[in-house]
C-alpha atoms as a PDB file:
ATOM      1  CA  UNK A   1      11.580 -24.470  -5.697  1.00  0.00           C
ATOM      2  CA  UNK A   2      14.040 -22.160  -7.407  1.00  0.00           C
ATOM      3  CA  UNK A   3      16.614 -23.629  -9.765  1.00  0.00           C
ATOM      4  CA  UNK A   4      19.209 -21.012 -10.608  1.00  0.00           C
ATOM      5  CA  UNK A   5      17.023 -17.929 -11.040  1.00  0.00           C
ATOM      6  CA  UNK A   6      15.390 -17.023 -14.358  1.00  0.00           C
ATOM      7  CA  UNK A   7      17.465 -19.453 -16.398  1.00  0.00           C
ATOM      8  CA  UNK A   8      16.434 -22.250 -14.049  1.00  0.00           C
ATOM      9  CA  UNK A   9      12.765 -21.310 -14.375  1.00  0.00           C
ATOM     10  CA  UNK A  10      12.927 -21.715 -18.159  1.00  0.00           C
ATOM     11  CA  UNK A  11      14.674 -25.072 -17.722  1.00  0.00           C
ATOM     12  CA  UNK A  12      11.922 -26.149 -15.313  1.00  0.00           C
ATOM     13  CA  UNK A  13       9.232 -25.065 -17.832  1.00  0.00           C
ATOM     14  CA  UNK A  14      10.941 -27.101 -20.540  1.00  0.00           C
ATOM     15  CA  UNK A  15      10.841 -30.181 -18.314  1.00  0.00           C
ATOM     16  CA  UNK A  16       7.138 -29.630 -17.624  1.00  0.00           C
ATOM     17  CA  UNK A  17       6.359 -29.165 -21.324  1.00  0.00           C
ATOM     18  CA  UNK A  18       8.039 -32.493 -22.128  1.00  0.00           C
ATOM     19  CA  UNK A  19       5.800 -34.214 -19.578  1.00  0.00           C
ATOM     20  CA  UNK A  20       2.488 -32.921 -20.984  1.00  0.00           C
ATOM     21  CA  UNK A  21       0.555 -35.945 -22.182  1.00  0.00           C
ATOM     22  CA  UNK A  22      -0.940 -35.983 -25.678  1.00  0.00           C
ATOM     23  CA  UNK A  23       0.326 -32.454 -26.289  1.00  0.00           C
ATOM     24  CA  UNK A  24       0.214 -32.557 -30.091  1.00  0.00           C
ATOM     25  CA  UNK A  25      -3.152 -34.335 -30.167  1.00  0.00           C
ATOM     26  CA  UNK A  26      -4.708 -31.818 -27.767  1.00  0.00           C
ATOM     27  CA  UNK A  27      -3.255 -28.983 -29.856  1.00  0.00           C
ATOM     28  CA  UNK A  28      -4.976 -30.388 -32.969  1.00  0.00           C
ATOM     29  CA  UNK A  29      -8.301 -30.752 -31.145  1.00  0.00           C
ATOM     30  CA  UNK A  30      -8.218 -27.236 -29.718  1.00  0.00           C
ATOM     31  CA  UNK A  31      -7.248 -25.876 -33.141  1.00  0.00           C
ATOM     32  CA  UNK A  32     -10.313 -27.539 -34.679  1.00  0.00           C
ATOM     33  CA  UNK A  33     -12.505 -26.111 -31.908  1.00  0.00           C
ATOM     34  CA  UNK A  34     -11.082 -22.633 -32.500  1.00  0.00           C
ATOM     35  CA  UNK A  35     -11.948 -22.907 -36.178  1.00  0.00           C
ATOM     36  CA  UNK A  36     -15.532 -23.843 -35.288  1.00  0.00           C
ATOM     37  CA  UNK A  37     -15.744 -20.950 -32.831  1.00  0.00           C
ATOM     38  CA  UNK A  38     -14.244 -18.460 -35.293  1.00  0.00           C
ATOM     39  CA  UNK A  39     -16.758 -19.553 -37.925  1.00  0.00           C
ATOM     40  CA  UNK A  40     -19.930 -19.828 -35.812  1.00  0.00           C
ATOM     41  CA  UNK A  41     -19.259 -17.515 -32.868  1.00  0.00           C
ATOM     42  CA  UNK A  42     -21.136 -18.061 -29.635  1.00  0.00           C
ATOM     43  CA  UNK A  43     -24.813 -18.461 -28.752  1.00  0.00           C
ATOM     44  CA  UNK A  44     -25.808 -21.688 -30.488  1.00  0.00           C
ATOM     45  CA  UNK A  45     -26.915 -24.892 -28.762  1.00  0.00           C
ATOM     46  CA  UNK A  46     -24.284 -27.526 -27.976  1.00  0.00           C
ATOM     47  CA  UNK A  47     -25.538 -29.839 -30.721  1.00  0.00           C
ATOM     48  CA  UNK A  48     -24.777 -27.199 -33.374  1.00  0.00           C
ATOM     49  CA  UNK A  49     -21.160 -27.034 -32.226  1.00  0.00           C
ATOM     50  CA  UNK A  50     -20.919 -30.834 -32.080  1.00  0.00           C
ATOM     51  CA  UNK A  51     -22.198 -31.132 -35.648  1.00  0.00           C
ATOM     52  CA  UNK A  52     -19.716 -28.491 -36.834  1.00  0.00           C
ATOM     53  CA  UNK A  53     -16.879 -30.115 -34.882  1.00  0.00           C
ATOM     54  CA  UNK A  54     -17.613 -33.447 -36.510  1.00  0.00           C
ATOM     55  CA  UNK A  55     -17.215 -31.823 -39.944  1.00  0.00           C
ATOM     56  CA  UNK A  56     -13.989 -30.132 -38.815  1.00  0.00           C
ATOM     57  CA  UNK A  57     -12.584 -33.405 -37.414  1.00  0.00           C
ATOM     58  CA  UNK A  58     -13.341 -35.153 -40.713  1.00  0.00           C
ATOM     59  CA  UNK A  59     -11.721 -32.373 -42.750  1.00  0.00           C
ATOM     60  CA  UNK A  60      -8.616 -32.527 -40.559  1.00  0.00           C
ATOM     61  CA  UNK A  61      -8.572 -36.344 -40.644  1.00  0.00           C
ATOM     62  CA  UNK A  62      -8.707 -36.614 -36.841  1.00  0.00           C
ATOM     63  CA  UNK A  63      -9.607 -40.030 -35.435  1.00  0.00           C
ATOM     64  CA  UNK A  64     -12.779 -39.548 -33.362  1.00  0.00           C
ATOM     65  CA  UNK A  65     -15.929 -41.205 -32.059  1.00  0.00           C
ATOM     66  CA  UNK A  66     -19.036 -39.180 -31.294  1.00  0.00           C
ATOM     67  CA  UNK A  67     -21.227 -40.058 -28.303  1.00  0.00           C
ATOM     68  CA  UNK A  68     -18.729 -42.773 -27.379  1.00  0.00           C
ATOM     69  CA  UNK A  69     -20.212 -45.185 -24.847  1.00  0.00           C
ATOM     70  CA  UNK A  70     -18.194 -46.060 -21.739  1.00  0.00           C
ATOM     71  CA  UNK A  71     -19.037 -48.645 -19.087  1.00  0.00           C
ATOM     72  CA  UNK A  72     -18.796 -47.975 -15.366  1.00  0.00           C
ATOM     73  CA  UNK A  73     -17.159 -50.622 -13.195  1.00  0.00           C
ATOM     74  CA  UNK A  74     -18.177 -50.880  -9.552  1.00  0.00           C
ATOM     75  CA  UNK A  75     -16.100 -53.374  -7.559  1.00  0.00           C
ATOM     76  CA  UNK A  76     -15.727 -55.674 -10.533  1.00  0.00           C
ATOM     77  CA  UNK A  77     -19.358 -55.336 -11.664  1.00  0.00           C
ATOM     78  CA  UNK A  78     -20.375 -53.410 -14.735  1.00  0.00           C
ATOM     79  CA  UNK A  79     -23.249 -51.108 -13.907  1.00  0.00           C
ATOM     80  CA  UNK A  80     -26.352 -50.989 -16.106  1.00  0.00           C
ATOM     81  CA  UNK A  81     -25.863 -47.284 -16.730  1.00  0.00           C
ATOM     82  CA  UNK A  82     -23.191 -46.217 -19.202  1.00  0.00           C
ATOM     83  CA  UNK A  83     -22.034 -42.712 -19.909  1.00  0.00           C
ATOM     84  CA  UNK A  84     -21.575 -41.168 -23.310  1.00  0.00           C
ATOM     85  CA  UNK A  85     -18.631 -38.852 -23.888  1.00  0.00           C
ATOM     86  CA  UNK A  86     -19.403 -36.134 -26.428  1.00  0.00           C
ATOM     87  CA  UNK A  87     -16.294 -37.171 -28.361  1.00  0.00           C
ATOM     88  CA  UNK A  88     -13.372 -39.508 -27.839  1.00  0.00           C
ATOM     89  CA  UNK A  89     -10.418 -38.598 -30.019  1.00  0.00           C
ATOM     90  CA  UNK A  90      -7.382 -40.708 -30.890  1.00  0.00           C
ATOM     91  CA  UNK A  91      -8.888 -43.387 -28.581  1.00  0.00           C
ATOM     92  CA  UNK A  92      -7.147 -41.472 -25.762  1.00  0.00           C
ATOM     93  CA  UNK A  93      -8.819 -38.102 -25.129  1.00  0.00           C
ATOM     94  CA  UNK A  94     -12.337 -37.309 -23.963  1.00  0.00           C
ATOM     95  CA  UNK A  95     -13.779 -34.069 -25.304  1.00  0.00           C
ATOM     96  CA  UNK A  96     -16.763 -32.540 -23.551  1.00  0.00           C
ATOM     97  CA  UNK A  97     -18.563 -29.756 -25.404  1.00  0.00           C
ATOM     98  CA  UNK A  98     -20.475 -27.032 -23.590  1.00  0.00           C
ATOM     99  CA  UNK A  99     -22.288 -23.870 -24.660  1.00  0.00           C
ATOM    100  CA  UNK A 100     -22.710 -22.302 -21.232  1.00  0.00           C
ATOM    101  CA  UNK A 101     -22.787 -18.536 -20.720  1.00  0.00           C
ATOM    102  CA  UNK A 102     -21.570 -19.114 -17.133  1.00  0.00           C
ATOM    103  CA  UNK A 103     -18.384 -20.756 -18.355  1.00  0.00           C
ATOM    104  CA  UNK A 104     -16.863 -24.071 -17.336  1.00  0.00           C
ATOM    105  CA  UNK A 105     -18.452 -24.815 -13.980  1.00  0.00           C
ATOM    106  CA  UNK A 106     -17.183 -26.970 -11.119  1.00  0.00           C
ATOM    107  CA  UNK A 107     -20.015 -29.419 -11.849  1.00  0.00           C
ATOM    108  CA  UNK A 108     -18.830 -29.905 -15.436  1.00  0.00           C
ATOM    109  CA  UNK A 109     -15.262 -30.420 -14.223  1.00  0.00           C
ATOM    110  CA  UNK A 110     -16.434 -33.013 -11.663  1.00  0.00           C
ATOM    111  CA  UNK A 111     -18.538 -34.821 -14.282  1.00  0.00           C
ATOM    112  CA  UNK A 112     -15.636 -34.929 -16.727  1.00  0.00           C
ATOM    113  CA  UNK A 113     -13.216 -36.187 -14.069  1.00  0.00           C
ATOM    114  CA  UNK A 114     -15.698 -38.996 -13.361  1.00  0.00           C
ATOM    115  CA  UNK A 115     -15.706 -39.803 -17.083  1.00  0.00           C
ATOM    116  CA  UNK A 116     -11.925 -40.066 -17.025  1.00  0.00           C
ATOM    117  CA  UNK A 117     -11.968 -42.303 -13.972  1.00  0.00           C
ATOM    118  CA  UNK A 118     -14.644 -44.598 -15.408  1.00  0.00           C
ATOM    119  CA  UNK A 119     -13.092 -44.795 -18.878  1.00  0.00           C
ATOM    120  CA  UNK A 120      -9.524 -45.403 -17.737  1.00  0.00           C
ATOM    121  CA  UNK A 121      -8.331 -42.589 -19.997  1.00  0.00           C
ATOM    122  CA  UNK A 122      -5.907 -39.956 -18.715  1.00  0.00           C
ATOM    123  CA  UNK A 123      -6.813 -36.738 -20.538  1.00  0.00           C
ATOM    124  CA  UNK A 124     -10.018 -34.799 -21.081  1.00  0.00           C
ATOM    125  CA  UNK A 125     -10.655 -31.437 -22.651  1.00  0.00           C
ATOM    126  CA  UNK A 126     -13.698 -29.332 -21.845  1.00  0.00           C
ATOM    127  CA  UNK A 127     -14.536 -26.776 -24.512  1.00  0.00           C
ATOM    128  CA  UNK A 128     -17.071 -24.026 -23.859  1.00  0.00           C
ATOM    129  CA  UNK A 129     -18.562 -22.143 -26.803  1.00  0.00           C
ATOM    130  CA  UNK A 130     -21.007 -20.134 -24.671  1.00  0.00           C
ATOM    131  CA  UNK A 131     -19.013 -16.977 -24.008  1.00  0.00           C
ATOM    132  CA  UNK A 132     -17.568 -14.144 -26.057  1.00  0.00           C
ATOM    133  CA  UNK A 133     -14.292 -16.048 -26.344  1.00  0.00           C
ATOM    134  CA  UNK A 134     -13.651 -19.776 -26.555  1.00  0.00           C
ATOM    135  CA  UNK A 135     -12.830 -21.373 -23.193  1.00  0.00           C
ATOM    136  CA  UNK A 136     -11.141 -24.688 -22.611  1.00  0.00           C
ATOM    137  CA  UNK A 137      -9.858 -26.664 -19.685  1.00  0.00           C
ATOM    138  CA  UNK A 138      -7.425 -29.558 -19.747  1.00  0.00           C
ATOM    139  CA  UNK A 139      -7.988 -32.284 -17.131  1.00  0.00           C
ATOM    140  CA  UNK A 140      -5.503 -35.046 -16.384  1.00  0.00           C
ATOM    141  CA  UNK A 141      -6.404 -38.062 -14.301  1.00  0.00           C
END
């Protein structure tokens, strides 16, 4: 859909930017992750990055829960198994941390989408510390 050439494209981008959910919160989270990556680099185990991220979240006064437990509802019945999100920030955003040299895989995306569905939350971020530059993916459900 073209709305008045180049000027219309910028207008359309502005509309899309206004509709991005939890934009400022996600920006803060990704900024904290970048600081961790810039300090530690790549190649460590996931738990090292999680420990560092917890320190960074505390220093930045970001509201978070680590290994936040979520129930899974199946047709009105809570299943015995629960899942644990690496982090839940601002009580609204799931953050999954990976240190995978292959990048953010389809399996990780599918798992994180399931977490969103089960939790009832709308936004998840996947952060991968396993490559020569920090990778992230934003998922909206």
